[in-house]
Every structure is written in structure tokens, then in C-alpha cells.
Amino acid sequence: MRLLVLGGTGFVGGATVGEAVRRGWSVTVFNRGLHGSPPEGVRRLRGDRTAPGGLAALAGGEWDLVVDTWDGAPRAVRDAARALAGSAGWYGYVSSGSVYAPPVPLGVTEDAATVAAAPDADDGVGLAPEREAALLAAAAAG
């Protein structure tokens, strides 16, 4: 399995990378390189997904699975998903339970109502709408 983790050091990215390495997968991380080195054997591609041309290091790569844990502006998820559309078998965006519209009942499933959001939303609108917008952006890019 060829895995690309966008980020790879924070949130659940580090745990995802660690488990993939444990399983013997070929792992690549894409990040700015600001928070330490990836584990031995993990390839690092550097770039800043918020900068013009910041995804260039991803060009020409091929992965079976991409895991995206971005927690900022939804357009960064959209741009990454579009850039990787022909290079990855699956693109998974890790969101959070905050996307569900309150009040969230016990036993909620993925079919529950979500907060209002648009895939082209700007950042700064709050965690829940940004996460939902990023989910929509990733799905629309596919």
C-alpha cells in the first residue's frame, strides 16, 4: 500500500503514519517541514498548500490512499484533492464530529444532519462550517 499523508505530524497524522509504517506500507508525508522529521523510512515532500504553487512537490506521484487532516481553509482541501485526483486511488479527509448540526443526538450516524457550509467557504467561519466545507470540497474535487 502506498500512502500519502498530507501533514503527518499533528492531529491524527502522526498516528496514521506510525500505523502505516508498522504495517510495512510505503509512506510519504507532505508538509512544510516545521515540526520534526518523519519516522525512518518515510519519504517527506515539502510544500505549503496555502502558497501559490505550494503543491508542486506532489506532481508525478502515485498513491493508493491519501489521508488529509487539514484543519484550516476549505479551499486548501479542495486544491489538494483536485491536484491529486489522477494520482490517488482513494482520498480520505479526516473531519470531526463538530460537522453535525446541534443538537447532536446520542447514537448519531453519518446520515445525521450537518451544519450549513459551502465547499468554497473561506477560513475564519468557525470549526464546524470549515470542516463541513472541507468535506464538501474534497467530495466535489473527486
C-alpha atoms as a PDB file:
ATOM      1  CA  MET A   1       0.000   0.000   0.000  1.00  0.00           C
ATOM      2  CA  ARG A   2       1.314   3.427  -0.971  1.00  0.00           C
ATOM      3  CA  LEU A   3       0.102   6.055   1.485  1.00  0.00           C
ATOM      4  CA  LEU A   4       0.373   9.818   1.280  1.00  0.00           C
ATOM      5  CA  VAL A   5      -0.414  11.763   4.439  1.00  0.00           C
ATOM      6  CA  LEU A   6      -0.951  15.469   3.974  1.00  0.00           C
ATOM      7  CA  GLY A   7       0.582  16.798   7.162  1.00  0.00           C
ATOM      8  CA  GLY A   8       1.738  13.783   9.064  1.00  0.00           C
ATOM      9  CA  THR A   9       2.915  15.265  12.334  1.00  0.00           C
ATOM     10  CA  GLY A  10      -0.132  16.731  14.077  1.00  0.00           C
ATOM     11  CA  PHE A  11      -3.726  15.769  14.830  1.00  0.00           C
ATOM     12  CA  VAL A  12      -4.136  12.126  13.743  1.00  0.00           C
ATOM     13  CA  GLY A  13      -1.478  12.301  11.021  1.00  0.00           C
ATOM     14  CA  GLY A  14       1.329  11.091  13.244  1.00  0.00           C
ATOM     15  CA  ALA A  15      -0.679   8.088  14.413  1.00  0.00           C
ATOM     16  CA  THR A  16      -1.694   7.314  10.833  1.00  0.00           C
ATOM     17  CA  VAL A  17       1.932   7.418   9.681  1.00  0.00           C
ATOM     18  CA  GLY A  18       3.061   5.265  12.610  1.00  0.00           C
ATOM     19  CA  GLU A  19       0.458   2.586  11.958  1.00  0.00           C
ATOM     20  CA  ALA A  20       1.195   2.522   8.223  1.00  0.00           C
ATOM     21  CA  VAL A  21       4.913   2.090   8.916  1.00  0.00           C
ATOM     22  CA  ARG A  22       4.108  -0.712  11.370  1.00  0.00           C
ATOM     23  CA  ARG A  23       2.144  -2.439   8.604  1.00  0.00           C
ATOM     24  CA  GLY A  24       5.061  -2.152   6.205  1.00  0.00           C
ATOM     25  CA  TRP A  25       3.407   0.316   3.851  1.00  0.00           C
ATOM     26  CA  SER A  26       5.287   2.742   1.641  1.00  0.00           C
ATOM     27  CA  VAL A  27       4.615   6.077   3.356  1.00  0.00           C
ATOM     28  CA  THR A  28       5.081   9.633   2.117  1.00  0.00           C
ATOM     29  CA  VAL A  29       4.248  12.751   4.072  1.00  0.00           C
ATOM     30  CA  PHE A  30       3.708  16.181   2.555  1.00  0.00           C
ATOM     31  CA  ASN A  31       4.198  19.130   4.849  1.00  0.00           C
ATOM     32  CA  ARG A  32       6.166  22.300   5.447  1.00  0.00           C
ATOM     33  CA  GLY A  33       8.837  20.500   7.473  1.00  0.00           C
ATOM     34  CA  LEU A  34       8.357  22.659  10.543  1.00  0.00           C
ATOM     35  CA  HIS A  35       7.650  20.029  13.196  1.00  0.00           C
ATOM     36  CA  GLY A  36      10.434  17.481  13.180  1.00  0.00           C
ATOM     37  CA  SER A  37      11.400  14.651  10.914  1.00  0.00           C
ATOM     38  CA  PRO A  38       9.160  11.767   9.899  1.00  0.00           C
ATOM     39  CA  PRO A  39       9.998   8.264  11.117  1.00  0.00           C
ATOM     40  CA  GLU A  40      12.836   6.384   9.446  1.00  0.00           C
ATOM     41  CA  GLY A  41      11.853   5.070   6.044  1.00  0.00           C
ATOM     42  CA  VAL A  42       9.133   7.665   5.499  1.00  0.00           C
ATOM     43  CA  ARG A  43       9.615   9.921   2.497  1.00  0.00           C
ATOM     44  CA  ARG A  44       8.982  13.622   3.047  1.00  0.00           C
ATOM     45  CA  LEU A  45       7.825  16.001   0.353  1.00  0.00           C
ATOM     46  CA  ARG A  46       7.946  19.646   1.336  1.00  0.00           C
ATOM     47  CA  GLY A  47       5.489  22.288   0.357  1.00  0.00           C
ATOM     48  CA  ASP A  48       2.973  24.766   1.677  1.00  0.00           C
ATOM     49  CA  ARG A  49      -0.515  24.033   0.449  1.00  0.00           C
ATOM     50  CA  THR A  50      -1.593  27.618   1.156  1.00  0.00           C
ATOM     51  CA  ALA A  51       1.079  29.171  -1.076  1.00  0.00           C
ATOM     52  CA  PRO A  52       0.837  29.621  -4.848  1.00  0.00           C
ATOM     53  CA  GLY A  53       2.446  26.549  -6.400  1.00  0.00           C
ATOM     54  CA  GLY A  54       2.750  25.014  -2.943  1.00  0.00           C
ATOM     55  CA  LEU A  55       1.520  21.586  -4.087  1.00  0.00           C
ATOM     56  CA  ALA A  56       4.168  21.224  -6.814  1.00  0.00           C
ATOM     57  CA  ALA A  57       6.115  18.559  -4.887  1.00  0.00           C
ATOM     58  CA  LEU A  58       3.141  16.203  -5.301  1.00  0.00           C
ATOM     59  CA  ALA A  59       3.298  16.246  -9.111  1.00  0.00           C
ATOM     60  CA  GLY A  60       4.107  12.901 -10.670  1.00  0.00           C
ATOM     61  CA  GLY A  61       3.476  10.859  -7.526  1.00  0.00           C
ATOM     62  CA  GLU A  62       1.112   7.904  -7.300  1.00  0.00           C
ATOM     63  CA  TRP A  63      -0.572   6.670  -4.147  1.00  0.00           C
ATOM     64  CA  ASP A  64      -3.212   4.114  -3.290  1.00  0.00           C
ATOM     65  CA  LEU A  65      -4.529   6.223  -0.443  1.00  0.00           C
ATOM     66  CA  VAL A  66      -4.286   9.871   0.602  1.00  0.00           C
ATOM     67  CA  VAL A  67      -5.168  10.893   4.151  1.00  0.00           C
ATOM     68  CA  ASP A  68      -5.803  14.610   4.600  1.00  0.00           C
ATOM     69  CA  THR A  69      -6.108  16.024   8.116  1.00  0.00           C
ATOM     70  CA  TRP A  70      -6.164  19.746   7.219  1.00  0.00           C
ATOM     71  CA  ASP A  71      -7.962  21.940   9.747  1.00  0.00           C
ATOM     72  CA  GLY A  72      -7.862  25.311   8.025  1.00  0.00           C
ATOM     73  CA  ALA A  73      -9.423  26.962   4.995  1.00  0.00           C
ATOM     74  CA  PRO A  74     -11.543  24.502   2.987  1.00  0.00           C
ATOM     75  CA  ARG A  75     -10.011  25.714  -0.289  1.00  0.00           C
ATOM     76  CA  ALA A  76      -6.737  24.016   0.728  1.00  0.00           C
ATOM     77  CA  VAL A  77      -8.536  20.654   0.844  1.00  0.00           C
ATOM     78  CA  ARG A  78     -10.241  21.380  -2.473  1.00  0.00           C
ATOM     79  CA  ASP A  79      -6.954  22.317  -4.136  1.00  0.00           C
ATOM     80  CA  ALA A  80      -5.118  19.258  -2.797  1.00  0.00           C
ATOM     81  CA  ALA A  81      -7.949  16.902  -3.773  1.00  0.00           C
ATOM     82  CA  ARG A  82      -8.020  18.352  -7.278  1.00  0.00           C
ATOM     83  CA  ALA A  83      -4.237  18.152  -7.622  1.00  0.00           C
ATOM     84  CA  LEU A  84      -4.258  14.502  -6.562  1.00  0.00           C
ATOM     85  CA  ALA A  85      -7.382  13.392  -8.451  1.00  0.00           C
ATOM     86  CA  GLY A  86      -5.405  11.429 -11.035  1.00  0.00           C
ATOM     87  CA  SER A  87      -2.685  10.294  -8.658  1.00  0.00           C
ATOM     88  CA  ALA A  88      -4.555   8.517  -5.879  1.00  0.00           C
ATOM     89  CA  GLY A  89      -6.966   5.613  -5.678  1.00  0.00           C
ATOM     90  CA  TRP A  90      -8.710   6.981  -2.590  1.00  0.00           C
ATOM     91  CA  TYR A  91      -8.741  10.389  -0.907  1.00  0.00           C
ATOM     92  CA  GLY A  92      -9.835  10.420   2.715  1.00  0.00           C
ATOM     93  CA  TYR A  93     -10.461  13.634   4.583  1.00  0.00           C
ATOM     94  CA  VAL A  94     -10.432  13.324   8.374  1.00  0.00           C
ATOM     95  CA  SER A  95     -13.074  15.619   9.756  1.00  0.00           C
ATOM     96  CA  SER A  96     -14.627  15.772  13.207  1.00  0.00           C
ATOM     97  CA  GLY A  97     -17.914  15.258  14.941  1.00  0.00           C
ATOM     98  CA  SER A  98     -18.331  19.008  15.006  1.00  0.00           C
ATOM     99  CA  VAL A  99     -19.847  18.902  11.500  1.00  0.00           C
ATOM    100  CA  TYR A 100     -23.139  17.562  12.841  1.00  0.00           C
ATOM    101  CA  ALA A 101     -25.910  20.078  13.372  1.00  0.00           C
ATOM    102  CA  PRO A 102     -26.804  20.631  17.018  1.00  0.00           C
ATOM    103  CA  PRO A 103     -28.349  19.219  18.984  1.00  0.00           C
ATOM    104  CA  VAL A 104     -26.450  16.047  18.192  1.00  0.00           C
ATOM    105  CA  PRO A 105     -28.407  13.052  19.474  1.00  0.00           C
ATOM    106  CA  LEU A 106     -26.839  10.037  21.135  1.00  0.00           C
ATOM    107  CA  GLY A 107     -26.051   7.309  18.638  1.00  0.00           C
ATOM    108  CA  VAL A 108     -25.635   9.732  15.746  1.00  0.00           C
ATOM    109  CA  THR A 109     -24.575   8.158  12.435  1.00  0.00           C
ATOM    110  CA  GLU A 110     -23.063   9.563   9.261  1.00  0.00           C
ATOM    111  CA  ASP A 111     -26.605  10.129   7.985  1.00  0.00           C
ATOM    112  CA  ALA A 112     -27.308  12.853  10.570  1.00  0.00           C
ATOM    113  CA  ALA A 113     -27.836  16.441   9.500  1.00  0.00           C
ATOM    114  CA  THR A 114     -24.700  18.564   9.235  1.00  0.00           C
ATOM    115  CA  VAL A 115     -24.083  22.272   9.676  1.00  0.00           C
ATOM    116  CA  ALA A 116     -24.644  24.561   6.709  1.00  0.00           C
ATOM    117  CA  ALA A 117     -21.498  25.079   4.658  1.00  0.00           C
ATOM    118  CA  ALA A 118     -20.288  25.608   1.103  1.00  0.00           C
ATOM    119  CA  PRO A 119     -17.202  23.966  -0.451  1.00  0.00           C
ATOM    120  CA  ASP A 120     -15.762  27.354  -1.369  1.00  0.00           C
ATOM    121  CA  ALA A 121     -16.102  28.817   2.154  1.00  0.00           C
ATOM    122  CA  ASP A 122     -13.308  30.976   3.499  1.00  0.00           C
ATOM    123  CA  ASP A 123     -11.464  30.255   6.694  1.00  0.00           C
ATOM    124  CA  GLY A 124     -12.441  32.049   9.864  1.00  0.00           C
ATOM    125  CA  VAL A 125     -16.092  30.965   9.759  1.00  0.00           C
ATOM    126  CA  GLY A 126     -15.637  28.538  12.653  1.00  0.00           C
ATOM    127  CA  LEU A 127     -14.545  24.949  13.106  1.00  0.00           C
ATOM    128  CA  ALA A 128     -17.806  23.212  12.256  1.00  0.00           C
ATOM    129  CA  PRO A 129     -18.553  25.058   8.992  1.00  0.00           C
ATOM    130  CA  GLU A 130     -14.889  24.878   7.914  1.00  0.00           C
ATOM    131  CA  ARG A 131     -14.751  21.108   8.478  1.00  0.00           C
ATOM    132  CA  GLU A 132     -18.040  20.525   6.683  1.00  0.00           C
ATOM    133  CA  ALA A 133     -16.959  22.798   3.812  1.00  0.00           C
ATOM    134  CA  ALA A 134     -13.693  20.862   3.520  1.00  0.00           C
ATOM    135  CA  LEU A 135     -15.621  17.574   3.345  1.00  0.00           C
ATOM    136  CA  LEU A 136     -17.782  19.010   0.571  1.00  0.00           C
ATOM    137  CA  ALA A 137     -14.735  20.396  -1.233  1.00  0.00           C
ATOM    138  CA  ALA A 138     -12.946  17.035  -1.159  1.00  0.00           C
ATOM    139  CA  ALA A 139     -16.044  15.247  -2.458  1.00  0.00           C
ATOM    140  CA  ALA A 140     -16.584  17.809  -5.233  1.00  0.00           C
ATOM    141  CA  ALA A 141     -12.971  17.558  -6.379  1.00  0.00           C
ATOM    142  CA  GLY A 142     -13.161  13.822  -6.862  1.00  0.00           C
END
